[in-house]
Protein backbone atom coordinates (compact mmCIF):
# COMPACT_ATOMS: atom_id res chain seq x y z
CA UNK A 1 11.81 20.99 7.95
CA UNK A 2 10.86 22.50 4.61
CA UNK A 3 8.81 20.21 2.32
CA UNK A 4 10.70 19.32 -0.84
CA UNK A 5 14.12 19.55 0.81
CA UNK A 6 15.58 16.36 -0.65
CA UNK A 7 18.45 15.95 1.80
CA UNK A 8 16.32 16.75 4.83
CA UNK A 9 13.63 14.27 3.75
CA UNK A 10 16.29 11.58 3.26
CA UNK A 11 17.71 12.23 6.74
CA UNK A 12 14.22 12.19 8.24
CA UNK A 13 13.40 8.77 6.79
CA UNK A 14 16.73 7.40 7.96
CA UNK A 15 15.86 8.67 11.45
CA UNK A 16 12.35 7.19 11.59
CA UNK A 17 13.08 3.99 9.61
CA UNK A 18 13.22 1.71 12.67
CA UNK A 19 9.75 2.87 13.81
CA UNK A 20 8.23 3.54 10.39
CA UNK A 21 6.30 0.28 9.97
CA UNK A 22 5.10 0.28 13.57
CA UNK A 23 3.83 3.84 13.24
CA UNK A 24 2.07 3.03 9.96
CA UNK A 25 0.12 0.35 11.80
CA UNK A 26 -0.63 2.60 14.78
CA UNK A 27 -1.62 5.73 12.87
CA UNK A 28 -3.76 3.96 10.27
CA UNK A 29 -5.06 1.29 12.68
CA UNK A 30 -3.60 -1.22 10.24
CA UNK A 31 -5.69 0.13 7.36
CA UNK A 32 -2.63 1.16 5.32
CA UNK A 33 -2.32 -2.49 4.27
CA UNK A 34 -5.80 -2.37 2.76
CA UNK A 35 -5.03 0.88 0.93
CA UNK A 36 -1.83 -0.57 -0.52
CA UNK A 37 -3.68 -3.69 -1.62
CA UNK A 38 -6.25 -1.41 -3.24
CA UNK A 39 -3.42 0.19 -5.23
CA UNK A 40 -2.32 -3.26 -6.42
CA UNK A 41 -5.91 -4.20 -7.25
CA UNK A 42 -6.24 -1.16 -9.52
CA UNK A 43 -2.88 -1.79 -11.22
CA UNK A 44 -3.22 -5.58 -11.40
CA UNK A 45 0.47 -6.49 -11.82
CA UNK A 46 0.92 -9.77 -13.69
CA UNK A 47 3.43 -12.56 -13.23
CA UNK A 48 6.42 -12.05 -15.50
CA UNK A 49 6.06 -8.27 -15.72
CA UNK A 50 8.87 -5.99 -14.57
CA UNK A 51 7.88 -3.57 -11.82
CA UNK A 52 9.54 -0.84 -9.76
CA UNK A 53 8.53 0.60 -6.38
CA UNK A 54 9.82 4.18 -6.19
CA UNK A 55 10.40 5.68 -2.73
CA UNK A 56 10.12 2.13 -1.42
CA UNK A 57 11.27 2.98 2.11
CA UNK A 58 11.45 -0.11 4.31
CA UNK A 59 10.11 -2.33 1.53
CA UNK A 60 6.54 -2.94 2.68
CA UNK A 61 4.98 -2.10 -0.68
CA UNK A 62 7.61 -4.03 -2.65
CA UNK A 63 6.97 -7.17 -0.60
CA UNK A 64 3.19 -6.78 -0.99
CA UNK A 65 3.80 -6.51 -4.73
CA UNK A 66 5.83 -9.75 -4.66
CA UNK A 67 3.02 -11.48 -2.77
CA UNK A 68 0.45 -10.24 -5.28
CA UNK A 69 2.52 -11.44 -8.23
CA UNK A 70 3.49 -14.65 -6.41
CA UNK A 71 7.11 -13.94 -7.31
CA UNK A 72 9.81 -11.53 -6.17
CA UNK A 73 11.62 -11.73 -9.51
CA UNK A 74 11.55 -8.67 -11.78
CA UNK A 75 10.79 -6.35 -8.84
CA UNK A 76 12.98 -3.36 -7.97
CA UNK A 77 12.69 -1.17 -4.89
CA UNK A 78 14.36 2.25 -5.02
CA UNK A 79 14.90 4.79 -2.25
CA UNK A 80 17.40 7.50 -1.30
CA UNK A 81 17.41 6.63 2.44
CA UNK A 82 20.11 4.03 3.10
CA UNK A 83 18.86 3.06 6.56
CA UNK A 84 15.37 2.40 5.25
CA UNK A 85 16.81 0.31 2.41
CA UNK A 86 18.85 -1.69 4.90
CA UNK A 87 15.64 -2.65 6.70
CA UNK A 88 14.01 -3.50 3.36
CA UNK A 89 16.86 -5.87 2.49
CA UNK A 90 16.59 -7.60 5.85
CA UNK A 91 12.82 -8.01 5.49
CA UNK A 92 13.13 -9.52 2.03
CA UNK A 93 15.73 -12.16 2.92
CA UNK A 94 14.58 -15.65 2.08
CA UNK A 95 11.27 -15.82 0.24
CA UNK A 96 11.57 -12.37 -1.36
CA UNK A 97 15.34 -12.24 -1.82
CA UNK A 98 15.01 -11.72 -5.59
CA UNK A 99 13.84 -8.14 -5.05
CA UNK A 100 16.54 -5.77 -6.24
CA UNK A 101 17.14 -2.81 -3.92
CA UNK A 102 18.65 0.40 -5.32
CA UNK A 103 19.86 3.49 -3.47
CA UNK A 104 18.98 6.40 -5.76
CA UNK A 105 16.87 9.54 -6.17
CA UNK A 106 13.37 9.04 -7.57
CA UNK A 107 13.86 12.19 -9.66
CA UNK A 108 17.04 10.86 -11.25
CA UNK A 109 17.06 7.06 -11.04
CA UNK A 110 19.86 6.54 -13.58
CA UNK A 111 17.88 3.55 -14.87
CA UNK A 112 17.40 2.74 -18.57
CA UNK A 113 14.45 4.28 -20.39
CA UNK A 114 11.39 2.13 -21.12
CA UNK A 115 12.57 -0.49 -18.63
CA UNK A 116 9.43 -1.33 -16.63
CA UNK A 117 5.93 -2.62 -17.31
CA UNK A 118 4.66 -1.01 -14.13
CA UNK A 119 5.56 1.46 -11.41
CA UNK A 120 4.11 2.29 -8.04
CA UNK A 121 4.78 4.81 -5.32
CA UNK A 122 3.16 4.72 -1.88
CA UNK A 123 3.46 7.87 0.23
CA UNK A 124 6.44 9.20 -1.70
CA UNK A 125 4.99 11.73 -4.12
CA UNK A 126 4.47 14.37 -1.41
CA UNK A 127 8.16 14.25 -0.54
CA UNK A 128 9.57 14.97 -3.99
CA UNK A 129 11.15 18.37 -4.57
CA UNK A 130 9.33 18.54 -7.93
CA UNK A 131 6.13 16.68 -8.73
CA UNK A 132 6.52 17.34 -12.46
CA UNK A 133 10.07 15.96 -12.52
CA UNK A 134 8.88 12.95 -10.57
CA UNK A 135 6.20 12.24 -13.15
CA UNK A 136 8.67 12.80 -16.01
CA UNK A 137 11.13 10.29 -14.59
CA UNK A 138 8.37 7.77 -13.96
CA UNK A 139 7.21 8.17 -17.57
CA UNK A 140 10.78 7.82 -18.87
CA UNK A 141 11.46 4.47 -17.22
CA UNK A 142 8.05 3.00 -18.11
CA UNK A 143 7.53 1.06 -21.31
CA UNK A 144 4.97 2.49 -23.74
CA UNK A 145 1.60 1.40 -22.42
CA UNK A 146 3.06 0.79 -18.97
CA UNK A 147 0.93 1.69 -15.97
CA UNK A 148 1.68 3.43 -12.71
CA UNK A 149 -0.09 4.22 -9.47
CA UNK A 150 0.64 6.82 -6.79
CA UNK A 151 -0.95 6.36 -3.36
CA UNK A 152 -0.80 9.25 -0.91
CA UNK A 153 -2.72 11.50 1.45
CA UNK A 154 -5.46 13.47 -0.23
CA UNK A 155 -4.90 17.21 -0.48
CA UNK A 156 -7.78 19.63 0.18
CA UNK A 157 -7.68 23.02 -1.55
CA UNK A 158 -10.72 24.43 0.24
CA UNK A 159 -12.54 23.83 3.52
CA UNK A 160 -14.19 20.44 3.78
CA UNK A 161 -15.13 18.24 6.70
CA UNK A 162 -12.68 15.62 5.42
CA UNK A 163 -9.92 18.21 5.34
CA UNK A 164 -10.75 19.39 8.86
CA UNK A 165 -10.68 15.81 10.12
CA UNK A 166 -7.29 15.28 8.48
CA UNK A 167 -5.78 18.33 10.20
CA UNK A 168 -7.19 17.35 13.59
CA UNK A 169 -6.06 13.74 13.15
CA UNK A 170 -2.49 14.83 12.39
CA UNK A 171 -2.34 17.49 15.12
CA UNK A 172 -4.15 15.70 17.94
CA UNK A 173 -3.21 12.08 17.32
CA UNK A 174 -0.20 11.56 15.04
CA UNK A 175 2.22 14.18 16.35
CA UNK A 176 1.52 13.60 20.09
CA UNK A 177 1.96 9.82 19.74
CA UNK A 178 5.15 10.24 17.69
CA UNK A 179 6.41 12.67 20.33
CA UNK A 180 6.24 9.90 22.92
CA UNK A 181 8.98 8.18 20.88
CA UNK A 182 10.96 11.38 20.42
CA UNK A 183 9.84 11.76 16.80
CA UNK A 184 7.25 14.53 17.08
CA UNK A 185 9.25 16.94 14.91
CA UNK A 186 9.66 14.34 12.18
CA UNK A 187 5.97 13.43 12.07
CA UNK A 188 4.79 17.05 12.18
CA UNK A 189 6.32 17.16 8.70
CA UNK A 190 3.33 15.24 7.28
CA UNK A 191 1.03 18.22 7.81
CA UNK A 192 3.61 20.58 6.30
CA UNK A 193 4.08 18.34 3.28
CA UNK A 194 0.39 18.63 2.43
CA UNK A 195 0.52 22.44 2.21
CA UNK A 196 1.59 22.57 -1.44
CA UNK A 197 0.68 19.01 -2.39
CA UNK A 198 -1.53 19.10 -5.52
CA UNK A 199 -5.12 17.96 -5.37
CA UNK A 200 -6.29 14.98 -7.37
CA UNK A 201 -7.39 17.12 -10.32
CA UNK A 202 -4.05 18.92 -10.37
CA UNK A 203 -2.18 15.63 -10.21
CA UNK A 204 -4.13 14.50 -13.27
CA UNK A 205 -3.21 17.73 -15.07
CA UNK A 206 0.48 17.40 -14.18
CA UNK A 207 0.62 13.76 -15.28
CA UNK A 208 -1.01 14.49 -18.63
CA UNK A 209 1.15 17.57 -19.18
CA UNK A 210 4.38 15.57 -18.96
CA UNK A 211 3.15 13.01 -21.47
CA UNK A 212 1.12 10.29 -19.77
CA UNK A 213 -1.65 9.16 -22.11
CA UNK A 214 -4.34 8.65 -19.46
CA UNK A 215 -4.76 9.71 -15.85
CA UNK A 216 -7.51 9.25 -13.28
CA UNK A 217 -7.74 9.91 -9.56
CA UNK A 218 -9.59 7.71 -7.08
CA UNK A 219 -10.45 8.85 -3.58
CA UNK A 220 -10.30 6.10 -0.93
CA UNK A 221 -10.32 5.71 2.86
CA UNK A 222 -13.41 7.88 3.34
CA UNK A 223 -11.79 10.67 1.37
CA UNK A 224 -8.56 10.78 3.36
CA UNK A 225 -6.33 9.08 0.78
CA UNK A 226 -6.13 9.11 -2.99
CA UNK A 227 -4.66 7.04 -5.80
CA UNK A 228 -3.51 8.53 -9.10
CA UNK A 229 -3.55 5.96 -11.91
CA UNK A 230 -1.76 6.69 -15.17
CA UNK A 231 -0.67 4.93 -18.36
CA UNK A 232 2.42 5.76 -20.41
């Protein structure tokens, strides 16, 4: 599957949605929860603010956001994969039922401009067909002064030990384990998606070039993951 192929990415996430949360726990040894909490720590969402989780998938990040804010009101989760959204809705029933789930494209949300105080995206930026358009749409729907955070794999432009570890980890661990569940092809996409994924410095440049006022990149997880923080 070619990275950036919107329809193919949507179909892939519909295919893996039932195993997605299980695999996140297996492949990160549960550490993905810490990384997502780190994203929330940096953004510090406040009760009463209006937030959106773009590329929300099965809703894990949206529900963590609700827990952090101690309220599921004023939270929207958006994704193009209907099957993933269906799981998100089921997970949020009851305590987090106020979360609003929307089936739409992160590059063209069809949401009002200057609607949200904050925006986050966990492991979705790599899958967009255009990083610049993704940043532009995020900026458009954020209020002036609004803040956003993008958590994803770190991209390595040159040889590093961290980059070598990442390649070995994906090739020797992730894909073989996913193959046991018949999803090897789908999870081999992660390595492909990193081929043209911009480094932290390039993400900063792209964010500033579309109009964000500030941008900084933080490396986490022993250099394997990164968080781009921006303000509108």
